[in-house]
């Protein structure tokens, strides 16, 4: 059995360090924190989905470079959507939820978990939607930070509510700049 090499780098952002994990075809994960903080998790995660893999820090790998560049552009308010390819590992339902986040929540807007469930024609699956949003492997790239409680309050975010608030504020400023052009 061959060993798949996975590439990573850690980028600094206004909301903290992000570790980008990728292969030659696309981004596999984007997580808050350093690679070392996630190493044990990554080893278990890759064992589950890829059998055997090793990790190599490579900021100039084309996928890592593209993801880092797009994240920088996002934080400089030069980008509204990401085009870096994403390689999704998850259940079919999780993938549907993540795709819905990309398709139905534009920058500067929010939706409730219930809104997402309705968009998926799964109105009674609000809790399952919450679980899928919580399992999002692509912090910021797939905008789970734009999902709020039905009452309009900020709830549950793997990166913490303070980061969620900062991202929502950042995106609302982005919309103001765009509307003034």
N, C-alpha and C. Protein backbone atom coordinates (compact mmCIF):
# COMPACT_ATOMS: atom_id res chain seq x y z
N UNK A 1 0.84 -1.17 0.00
CA UNK A 1 0.00 0.00 0.00
C UNK A 1 0.89 1.23 0.00
N UNK A 2 0.61 2.16 -0.92
CA UNK A 2 1.43 3.37 -0.98
C UNK A 2 0.95 4.40 0.04
N UNK A 3 1.84 5.28 0.37
CA UNK A 3 1.56 6.32 1.35
C UNK A 3 1.27 7.62 0.60
N UNK A 4 0.11 8.21 0.86
CA UNK A 4 -0.24 9.47 0.22
C UNK A 4 0.38 10.63 1.01
N UNK A 5 1.04 11.53 0.29
CA UNK A 5 1.61 12.70 0.94
C UNK A 5 0.55 13.80 0.96
N UNK A 6 0.32 14.33 2.15
CA UNK A 6 -0.59 15.46 2.32
C UNK A 6 0.24 16.68 2.68
N UNK A 7 -0.13 17.81 2.12
CA UNK A 7 0.62 19.04 2.29
C UNK A 7 -0.13 19.96 3.26
N UNK A 8 0.62 20.77 3.97
CA UNK A 8 -0.02 21.70 4.89
C UNK A 8 0.81 22.96 5.01
N UNK A 9 0.13 23.98 5.51
CA UNK A 9 0.81 25.17 5.96
C UNK A 9 -0.09 25.86 6.97
N UNK A 10 0.51 26.71 7.77
CA UNK A 10 -0.22 27.47 8.77
C UNK A 10 -0.13 28.94 8.36
N UNK A 11 -1.28 29.58 8.24
CA UNK A 11 -1.31 30.99 7.85
C UNK A 11 -1.89 31.83 8.99
N UNK A 12 -1.33 33.01 9.17
CA UNK A 12 -1.85 33.95 10.16
C UNK A 12 -2.97 34.76 9.53
N UNK A 13 -4.05 34.93 10.27
CA UNK A 13 -5.18 35.73 9.82
C UNK A 13 -5.62 36.65 10.96
N UNK A 14 -6.46 37.60 10.67
CA UNK A 14 -6.97 38.47 11.74
C UNK A 14 -7.78 37.72 12.81
N UNK A 15 -8.19 36.49 12.53
CA UNK A 15 -8.94 35.70 13.52
C UNK A 15 -8.11 34.53 14.05
N UNK A 16 -6.80 34.60 13.87
CA UNK A 16 -5.92 33.57 14.40
C UNK A 16 -5.32 32.69 13.32
N UNK A 17 -4.48 31.77 13.77
CA UNK A 17 -3.83 30.85 12.83
C UNK A 17 -4.84 29.88 12.22
N UNK A 18 -4.62 29.57 10.94
CA UNK A 18 -5.40 28.57 10.23
C UNK A 18 -4.43 27.56 9.63
N UNK A 19 -4.70 26.29 9.86
CA UNK A 19 -3.93 25.24 9.22
C UNK A 19 -4.69 24.77 7.99
N UNK A 20 -4.03 24.79 6.85
CA UNK A 20 -4.60 24.32 5.59
C UNK A 20 -3.97 22.97 5.29
N UNK A 21 -4.79 21.96 5.07
CA UNK A 21 -4.34 20.61 4.74
C UNK A 21 -4.88 20.28 3.35
N UNK A 22 -4.01 19.79 2.46
CA UNK A 22 -4.41 19.57 1.07
C UNK A 22 -3.69 18.38 0.48
N UNK A 23 -4.22 17.91 -0.65
CA UNK A 23 -3.50 16.97 -1.49
C UNK A 23 -3.32 17.65 -2.85
N UNK A 24 -2.92 16.90 -3.87
CA UNK A 24 -2.67 17.52 -5.17
C UNK A 24 -3.93 17.96 -5.89
N UNK A 25 -5.10 17.53 -5.41
CA UNK A 25 -6.36 17.85 -6.09
C UNK A 25 -7.16 18.96 -5.42
N UNK A 26 -6.94 19.19 -4.12
CA UNK A 26 -7.72 20.22 -3.45
C UNK A 26 -7.47 20.29 -1.96
N UNK A 27 -8.16 21.22 -1.33
CA UNK A 27 -8.08 21.41 0.12
C UNK A 27 -8.89 20.30 0.79
N UNK A 28 -8.29 19.69 1.79
CA UNK A 28 -8.96 18.64 2.57
C UNK A 28 -9.58 19.20 3.84
N UNK A 29 -8.90 20.16 4.46
CA UNK A 29 -9.38 20.75 5.71
C UNK A 29 -8.77 22.14 5.88
N UNK A 30 -9.49 23.00 6.60
CA UNK A 30 -8.96 24.26 7.10
C UNK A 30 -9.44 24.34 8.54
N UNK A 31 -8.49 24.37 9.48
CA UNK A 31 -8.82 24.36 10.90
C UNK A 31 -8.13 25.49 11.63
N UNK A 32 -8.81 26.04 12.64
CA UNK A 32 -8.19 27.04 13.50
C UNK A 32 -7.09 26.40 14.31
N UNK A 33 -5.96 27.10 14.43
CA UNK A 33 -4.86 26.63 15.25
C UNK A 33 -3.71 26.13 14.40
N UNK A 34 -2.65 25.71 15.10
CA UNK A 34 -1.44 25.26 14.42
C UNK A 34 -1.53 23.80 14.02
N UNK A 35 -0.68 23.42 13.11
CA UNK A 35 -0.62 22.02 12.67
C UNK A 35 -0.33 21.11 13.85
N UNK A 36 0.63 21.50 14.69
CA UNK A 36 1.00 20.67 15.84
C UNK A 36 -0.18 20.42 16.77
N UNK A 37 -1.05 21.42 16.94
CA UNK A 37 -2.24 21.25 17.77
C UNK A 37 -3.17 20.18 17.22
N UNK A 38 -3.16 20.02 15.91
CA UNK A 38 -4.10 19.11 15.23
C UNK A 38 -3.48 17.79 14.78
N UNK A 39 -2.18 17.62 14.99
CA UNK A 39 -1.49 16.46 14.44
C UNK A 39 -2.17 15.13 14.79
N UNK A 40 -2.49 14.92 16.04
CA UNK A 40 -3.12 13.66 16.44
C UNK A 40 -4.47 13.48 15.73
N UNK A 41 -5.26 14.55 15.69
CA UNK A 41 -6.54 14.50 14.98
C UNK A 41 -6.33 14.18 13.51
N UNK A 42 -5.37 14.87 12.85
CA UNK A 42 -5.11 14.64 11.44
C UNK A 42 -4.67 13.19 11.18
N UNK A 43 -3.86 12.66 12.06
CA UNK A 43 -3.43 11.27 11.89
C UNK A 43 -4.62 10.32 11.93
N UNK A 44 -5.51 10.52 12.89
CA UNK A 44 -6.71 9.67 12.98
C UNK A 44 -7.65 9.91 11.81
N UNK A 45 -7.84 11.16 11.43
CA UNK A 45 -8.74 11.51 10.34
C UNK A 45 -8.26 10.91 9.02
N UNK A 46 -6.96 11.04 8.75
CA UNK A 46 -6.44 10.50 7.49
C UNK A 46 -6.45 8.97 7.50
N UNK A 47 -6.24 8.37 8.66
CA UNK A 47 -6.32 6.91 8.76
C UNK A 47 -7.73 6.44 8.40
N UNK A 48 -8.72 7.18 8.83
CA UNK A 48 -10.12 6.84 8.56
C UNK A 48 -10.45 6.95 7.07
N UNK A 49 -9.97 8.00 6.42
CA UNK A 49 -10.36 8.26 5.04
C UNK A 49 -9.34 7.87 3.98
N UNK A 50 -8.07 7.76 4.35
CA UNK A 50 -7.04 7.54 3.34
C UNK A 50 -6.11 6.39 3.65
N UNK A 51 -6.35 5.69 4.69
CA UNK A 51 -5.52 4.58 5.13
C UNK A 51 -4.13 5.05 5.58
N UNK A 52 -3.25 5.32 4.66
CA UNK A 52 -1.87 5.65 5.03
C UNK A 52 -1.47 6.98 4.39
N UNK A 53 -0.95 7.87 5.23
CA UNK A 53 -0.52 9.17 4.70
C UNK A 53 0.60 9.73 5.56
N UNK A 54 1.30 10.68 4.97
CA UNK A 54 2.31 11.43 5.71
C UNK A 54 2.09 12.91 5.41
N UNK A 55 2.67 13.76 6.23
CA UNK A 55 2.44 15.19 6.13
C UNK A 55 3.74 15.92 5.80
N UNK A 56 3.61 16.91 4.93
CA UNK A 56 4.77 17.71 4.55
C UNK A 56 4.36 19.18 4.50
N UNK A 57 5.07 20.01 5.27
CA UNK A 57 4.79 21.44 5.21
C UNK A 57 5.32 21.97 3.90
N UNK A 58 4.42 22.62 3.14
CA UNK A 58 4.81 23.08 1.81
C UNK A 58 3.97 24.29 1.41
N UNK A 59 4.34 25.47 1.88
CA UNK A 59 3.54 26.67 1.58
C UNK A 59 3.46 26.99 0.10
N UNK A 60 4.43 26.53 -0.70
CA UNK A 60 4.40 26.85 -2.13
C UNK A 60 3.70 25.78 -2.96
N UNK A 61 3.11 24.75 -2.33
CA UNK A 61 2.31 23.78 -3.07
C UNK A 61 1.14 24.53 -3.70
N UNK A 62 0.80 24.23 -4.95
CA UNK A 62 -0.16 25.05 -5.69
C UNK A 62 -1.51 25.17 -4.98
N UNK A 63 -2.01 24.14 -4.37
CA UNK A 63 -3.31 24.20 -3.68
C UNK A 63 -3.18 25.01 -2.39
N UNK A 64 -2.14 24.74 -1.62
CA UNK A 64 -1.92 25.48 -0.37
C UNK A 64 -1.75 26.97 -0.70
N UNK A 65 -0.95 27.27 -1.70
CA UNK A 65 -0.70 28.66 -2.09
C UNK A 65 -2.01 29.34 -2.51
N UNK A 66 -2.81 28.66 -3.32
CA UNK A 66 -4.08 29.23 -3.77
C UNK A 66 -5.00 29.50 -2.58
N UNK A 67 -5.13 28.54 -1.68
CA UNK A 67 -6.00 28.71 -0.51
C UNK A 67 -5.52 29.88 0.36
N UNK A 68 -4.22 29.95 0.62
CA UNK A 68 -3.67 31.03 1.44
C UNK A 68 -3.88 32.39 0.77
N UNK A 69 -3.68 32.45 -0.53
CA UNK A 69 -3.87 33.69 -1.28
C UNK A 69 -5.33 34.13 -1.22
N UNK A 70 -6.25 33.19 -1.42
CA UNK A 70 -7.67 33.53 -1.40
C UNK A 70 -8.11 33.97 0.00
N UNK A 71 -7.57 33.34 1.03
CA UNK A 71 -7.90 33.78 2.40
C UNK A 71 -7.38 35.19 2.66
N UNK A 72 -6.15 35.49 2.21
CA UNK A 72 -5.62 36.84 2.37
C UNK A 72 -6.52 37.85 1.63
N UNK A 73 -6.90 37.52 0.40
CA UNK A 73 -7.78 38.41 -0.37
C UNK A 73 -9.12 38.62 0.35
N UNK A 74 -9.64 37.58 0.95
CA UNK A 74 -10.89 37.68 1.72
C UNK A 74 -10.72 38.68 2.86
N UNK A 75 -9.63 38.55 3.59
CA UNK A 75 -9.43 39.45 4.73
C UNK A 75 -9.08 40.87 4.30
N UNK A 76 -8.54 41.04 3.08
CA UNK A 76 -8.30 42.39 2.55
C UNK A 76 -9.52 42.93 1.81
N UNK A 77 -10.62 42.22 1.90
CA UNK A 77 -11.89 42.59 1.27
C UNK A 77 -11.78 42.69 -0.25
N UNK A 78 -10.97 41.81 -0.82
CA UNK A 78 -10.81 41.74 -2.27
C UNK A 78 -11.48 40.50 -2.85
N UNK A 79 -12.11 39.68 -2.00
CA UNK A 79 -12.70 38.43 -2.46
C UNK A 79 -13.98 38.16 -1.67
N UNK A 80 -15.03 37.76 -2.39
CA UNK A 80 -16.30 37.41 -1.76
C UNK A 80 -16.54 35.92 -1.72
N UNK A 81 -15.97 35.19 -2.66
CA UNK A 81 -16.18 33.74 -2.73
C UNK A 81 -14.84 33.07 -3.03
N UNK A 82 -14.74 31.83 -2.65
CA UNK A 82 -13.50 31.08 -2.83
C UNK A 82 -13.63 30.14 -4.02
N UNK A 83 -12.52 29.99 -4.75
CA UNK A 83 -12.54 29.11 -5.92
C UNK A 83 -11.59 27.92 -5.78
N UNK A 84 -10.82 27.88 -4.70
CA UNK A 84 -9.90 26.76 -4.50
C UNK A 84 -10.73 25.47 -4.42
N UNK A 85 -10.29 24.40 -5.08
CA UNK A 85 -11.07 23.15 -5.02
C UNK A 85 -11.07 22.55 -3.61
N UNK A 86 -12.23 22.04 -3.22
CA UNK A 86 -12.40 21.40 -1.92
C UNK A 86 -12.65 19.91 -2.12
N UNK A 87 -11.99 19.08 -1.34
CA UNK A 87 -12.19 17.63 -1.36
C UNK A 87 -12.96 17.29 -0.08
N UNK A 88 -14.22 16.91 -0.24
CA UNK A 88 -15.10 16.71 0.91
C UNK A 88 -15.15 15.24 1.34
N UNK A 89 -14.88 15.02 2.61
CA UNK A 89 -15.08 13.72 3.24
C UNK A 89 -16.14 13.91 4.31
N UNK A 90 -17.23 13.20 4.18
CA UNK A 90 -18.33 13.30 5.12
C UNK A 90 -19.48 12.48 4.62
N UNK A 91 -20.56 12.49 5.37
CA UNK A 91 -21.75 11.75 4.95
C UNK A 91 -22.42 12.49 3.79
N UNK A 92 -23.27 11.82 3.04
CA UNK A 92 -24.00 12.53 1.98
C UNK A 92 -24.79 13.73 2.52
N UNK A 93 -25.39 13.58 3.70
CA UNK A 93 -26.16 14.70 4.27
C UNK A 93 -25.23 15.86 4.62
N UNK A 94 -24.09 15.58 5.25
CA UNK A 94 -23.14 16.65 5.58
C UNK A 94 -22.72 17.39 4.32
N UNK A 95 -22.43 16.66 3.27
CA UNK A 95 -22.01 17.30 2.01
C UNK A 95 -23.12 18.18 1.45
N UNK A 96 -24.37 17.75 1.56
CA UNK A 96 -25.50 18.57 1.10
C UNK A 96 -25.57 19.86 1.90
N UNK A 97 -25.38 19.76 3.22
CA UNK A 97 -25.43 20.96 4.07
C UNK A 97 -24.29 21.90 3.69
N UNK A 98 -23.08 21.39 3.56
CA UNK A 98 -21.94 22.25 3.23
C UNK A 98 -22.14 22.93 1.88
N UNK A 99 -22.66 22.19 0.91
CA UNK A 99 -22.94 22.76 -0.41
C UNK A 99 -24.00 23.87 -0.29
N UNK A 100 -25.00 23.64 0.55
CA UNK A 100 -26.04 24.64 0.76
C UNK A 100 -25.48 25.92 1.37
N UNK A 101 -24.54 25.78 2.31
CA UNK A 101 -23.91 26.96 2.90
C UNK A 101 -23.22 27.79 1.82
N UNK A 102 -22.55 27.12 0.90
CA UNK A 102 -21.86 27.81 -0.18
C UNK A 102 -22.84 28.48 -1.14
N UNK A 103 -23.94 27.81 -1.42
CA UNK A 103 -24.87 28.30 -2.44
C UNK A 103 -25.91 29.28 -1.93
N UNK A 104 -26.25 29.22 -0.65
CA UNK A 104 -27.39 29.98 -0.17
C UNK A 104 -27.10 31.06 0.86
N UNK A 105 -25.83 31.28 1.20
CA UNK A 105 -25.53 32.34 2.16
C UNK A 105 -24.42 33.23 1.60
N UNK A 106 -24.81 34.27 0.87
CA UNK A 106 -23.80 35.17 0.32
C UNK A 106 -23.08 35.96 1.42
N UNK A 107 -21.93 36.47 1.08
CA UNK A 107 -21.15 37.27 2.02
C UNK A 107 -22.01 38.44 2.52
N UNK A 108 -21.89 38.72 3.82
CA UNK A 108 -22.64 39.81 4.41
C UNK A 108 -24.03 39.43 4.87
N UNK A 109 -24.43 38.17 4.66
CA UNK A 109 -25.76 37.72 5.08
C UNK A 109 -25.62 36.53 6.02
N UNK A 110 -26.68 36.26 6.75
CA UNK A 110 -26.73 35.09 7.63
C UNK A 110 -28.01 34.32 7.36
N UNK A 111 -28.02 33.07 7.79
CA UNK A 111 -29.21 32.21 7.72
C UNK A 111 -29.26 31.41 9.01
N UNK A 112 -30.46 31.01 9.38
CA UNK A 112 -30.61 30.16 10.57
C UNK A 112 -30.45 28.70 10.17
N UNK A 113 -30.24 27.87 11.18
CA UNK A 113 -30.18 26.43 10.94
C UNK A 113 -31.48 25.96 10.29
N UNK A 114 -32.58 26.55 10.74
CA UNK A 114 -33.90 26.21 10.18
C UNK A 114 -33.97 26.61 8.70
N UNK A 115 -33.44 27.78 8.36
CA UNK A 115 -33.42 28.21 6.96
C UNK A 115 -32.68 27.20 6.09
N UNK A 116 -31.57 26.70 6.61
CA UNK A 116 -30.77 25.72 5.85
C UNK A 116 -31.58 24.43 5.69
N UNK A 117 -32.22 23.99 6.76
CA UNK A 117 -33.04 22.76 6.69
C UNK A 117 -34.15 22.92 5.65
N UNK A 118 -34.79 24.08 5.63
CA UNK A 118 -35.86 24.32 4.65
C UNK A 118 -35.29 24.33 3.24
N UNK A 119 -34.14 24.97 3.05
CA UNK A 119 -33.50 24.99 1.72
C UNK A 119 -33.17 23.59 1.23
N UNK A 120 -32.89 22.69 2.17
CA UNK A 120 -32.58 21.30 1.82
C UNK A 120 -33.83 20.44 1.70
N UNK A 121 -34.99 21.05 1.90
CA UNK A 121 -36.27 20.33 1.94
C UNK A 121 -36.23 19.23 2.99
N UNK A 122 -35.65 19.57 4.13
CA UNK A 122 -35.54 18.65 5.26
C UNK A 122 -35.91 19.42 6.53
N UNK A 123 -37.11 20.02 6.53
CA UNK A 123 -37.55 20.94 7.58
C UNK A 123 -37.41 20.38 8.99
N UNK A 124 -37.55 19.07 9.13
CA UNK A 124 -37.50 18.45 10.46
C UNK A 124 -36.09 18.05 10.86
N UNK A 125 -35.12 18.42 10.07
CA UNK A 125 -33.73 18.00 10.31
C UNK A 125 -32.85 19.14 10.82
N UNK A 126 -33.43 20.06 11.57
CA UNK A 126 -32.67 21.22 12.04
C UNK A 126 -31.47 20.78 12.89
N UNK A 127 -31.68 19.81 13.77
CA UNK A 127 -30.57 19.34 14.61
C UNK A 127 -29.48 18.66 13.77
N UNK A 128 -29.90 17.90 12.77
CA UNK A 128 -28.92 17.25 11.89
C UNK A 128 -28.15 18.30 11.09
N UNK A 129 -28.82 19.36 10.69
CA UNK A 129 -28.15 20.47 10.01
C UNK A 129 -27.11 21.07 10.96
N UNK A 130 -27.49 21.27 12.22
CA UNK A 130 -26.55 21.80 13.20
C UNK A 130 -25.33 20.92 13.36
N UNK A 131 -25.55 19.61 13.39
CA UNK A 131 -24.42 18.67 13.49
C UNK A 131 -23.51 18.75 12.29
N UNK A 132 -24.10 18.87 11.11
CA UNK A 132 -23.29 18.96 9.88
C UNK A 132 -22.52 20.27 9.84
N UNK A 133 -23.17 21.36 10.23
CA UNK A 133 -22.49 22.66 10.27
C UNK A 133 -21.32 22.60 11.25
N UNK A 134 -21.53 21.97 12.39
CA UNK A 134 -20.49 21.83 13.40
C UNK A 134 -19.32 20.98 12.90
N UNK A 135 -19.57 20.09 11.95
CA UNK A 135 -18.53 19.21 11.41
C UNK A 135 -17.84 19.78 10.18
N UNK A 136 -18.17 21.00 9.81
CA UNK A 136 -17.58 21.62 8.63
C UNK A 136 -16.05 21.58 8.69
N UNK A 137 -15.41 20.92 7.72
CA UNK A 137 -13.94 20.83 7.74
C UNK A 137 -13.24 22.01 7.06
N UNK A 138 -13.99 22.99 6.60
CA UNK A 138 -13.40 24.08 5.81
C UNK A 138 -13.71 25.44 6.44
N UNK A 139 -13.11 25.71 7.59
CA UNK A 139 -13.36 26.99 8.26
C UNK A 139 -13.17 28.15 7.29
N UNK A 140 -14.09 29.06 7.31
CA UNK A 140 -14.15 30.28 6.51
C UNK A 140 -14.48 29.98 5.05
N UNK A 141 -13.80 29.01 4.42
CA UNK A 141 -14.06 28.71 3.01
C UNK A 141 -15.51 28.28 2.78
N UNK A 142 -16.03 27.44 3.66
CA UNK A 142 -17.45 27.09 3.66
C UNK A 142 -18.04 27.85 4.84
N UNK A 143 -18.91 28.81 4.57
CA UNK A 143 -19.25 29.84 5.57
C UNK A 143 -20.20 29.39 6.69
N UNK A 144 -19.77 28.45 7.50
CA UNK A 144 -20.59 28.02 8.63
C UNK A 144 -20.73 29.14 9.66
N UNK A 145 -19.81 30.11 9.62
CA UNK A 145 -19.90 31.25 10.55
C UNK A 145 -21.11 32.12 10.25
N UNK A 146 -21.71 31.96 9.08
CA UNK A 146 -22.89 32.75 8.71
C UNK A 146 -24.20 32.12 9.18
N UNK A 147 -24.11 30.99 9.87
CA UNK A 147 -25.32 30.31 10.36
C UNK A 147 -25.55 30.74 11.80
N UNK A 148 -26.77 31.21 12.06
CA UNK A 148 -27.13 31.73 13.38
C UNK A 148 -28.35 30.99 13.91
N UNK A 149 -28.68 31.27 15.16
CA UNK A 149 -29.87 30.67 15.76
C UNK A 149 -31.13 31.24 15.15
N UNK A 150 -32.24 30.53 15.30
CA UNK A 150 -33.52 30.96 14.76
C UNK A 150 -33.96 32.30 15.35
N UNK A 151 -33.48 32.60 16.55
CA UNK A 151 -33.82 33.87 17.22
C UNK A 151 -32.88 35.01 16.81
N UNK A 152 -31.98 34.75 15.87
CA UNK A 152 -31.06 35.77 15.38
C UNK A 152 -29.78 35.89 16.18
N UNK A 153 -29.61 35.07 17.20
CA UNK A 153 -28.41 35.14 18.04
C UNK A 153 -27.30 34.26 17.51
N UNK A 154 -26.08 34.65 17.86
CA UNK A 154 -24.93 33.83 17.50
C UNK A 154 -24.90 32.60 18.40
N UNK A 155 -24.84 31.45 17.79
CA UNK A 155 -24.76 30.20 18.54
C UNK A 155 -23.74 29.30 17.86
N UNK A 156 -23.18 28.40 18.64
CA UNK A 156 -22.31 27.34 18.19
C UNK A 156 -21.41 27.62 17.00
N UNK A 157 -20.13 27.71 17.27
CA UNK A 157 -19.15 27.84 16.20
C UNK A 157 -17.87 27.17 16.69
N UNK A 158 -17.35 26.26 15.88
CA UNK A 158 -16.16 25.49 16.28
C UNK A 158 -14.98 26.41 16.58
N UNK A 159 -14.92 27.57 15.94
CA UNK A 159 -13.84 28.51 16.19
C UNK A 159 -14.10 29.44 17.36
N UNK A 160 -15.26 29.31 17.99
CA UNK A 160 -15.62 30.17 19.10
C UNK A 160 -16.49 31.34 18.64
N UNK A 161 -17.38 31.77 19.52
CA UNK A 161 -18.32 32.83 19.15
C UNK A 161 -17.64 34.17 18.89
N UNK A 162 -16.51 34.42 19.55
CA UNK A 162 -15.79 35.68 19.31
C UNK A 162 -15.29 35.74 17.86
N UNK A 163 -14.76 34.63 17.36
CA UNK A 163 -14.32 34.60 15.96
C UNK A 163 -15.51 34.74 15.01
N UNK A 164 -16.59 34.05 15.34
CA UNK A 164 -17.79 34.13 14.51
C UNK A 164 -18.25 35.58 14.39
N UNK A 165 -18.29 36.27 15.51
CA UNK A 165 -18.70 37.68 15.53
C UNK A 165 -17.75 38.53 14.67
N UNK A 166 -16.45 38.30 14.80
CA UNK A 166 -15.47 39.06 14.02
C UNK A 166 -15.66 38.81 12.52
N UNK A 167 -15.92 37.56 12.13
CA UNK A 167 -16.10 37.25 10.71
C UNK A 167 -17.37 37.91 10.16
N UNK A 168 -18.44 37.86 10.93
CA UNK A 168 -19.69 38.48 10.49
C UNK A 168 -19.51 40.00 10.38
N UNK A 169 -18.82 40.61 11.34
CA UNK A 169 -18.56 42.05 11.27
C UNK A 169 -17.66 42.39 10.07
N UNK A 170 -16.65 41.57 9.85
CA UNK A 170 -15.76 41.77 8.70
C UNK A 170 -16.56 41.75 7.40
N UNK A 171 -17.45 40.78 7.28
CA UNK A 171 -18.23 40.65 6.05
C UNK A 171 -19.25 41.77 5.90
N UNK A 172 -19.79 42.27 7.00
CA UNK A 172 -20.73 43.39 6.88
C UNK A 172 -19.99 44.65 6.43
N UNK A 173 -18.74 44.83 6.87
CA UNK A 173 -17.92 45.96 6.40
C UNK A 173 -17.64 45.80 4.92
N UNK A 174 -17.38 44.56 4.50
CA UNK A 174 -17.13 44.27 3.09
C UNK A 174 -18.32 44.71 2.24
N UNK A 175 -19.54 44.41 2.72
CA UNK A 175 -20.74 44.78 2.00
C UNK A 175 -20.90 46.30 1.94
N UNK A 176 -20.54 47.00 3.02
CA UNK A 176 -20.63 48.46 3.01
C UNK A 176 -19.69 49.06 1.98
N UNK A 177 -18.46 48.55 1.92
CA UNK A 177 -17.50 49.05 0.93
C UNK A 177 -18.02 48.80 -0.47
N UNK A 178 -18.55 47.61 -0.71
CA UNK A 178 -19.05 47.26 -2.03
C UNK A 178 -20.23 48.17 -2.43
N UNK A 179 -21.13 48.43 -1.49
CA UNK A 179 -22.31 49.25 -1.81
C UNK A 179 -21.95 50.72 -2.02
N UNK A 180 -20.81 51.16 -1.52
CA UNK A 180 -20.38 52.55 -1.71
C UNK A 180 -19.60 52.75 -2.99
N UNK A 181 -19.34 51.71 -3.72
CA UNK A 181 -18.56 51.82 -4.97
C UNK A 181 -19.43 52.23 -6.13
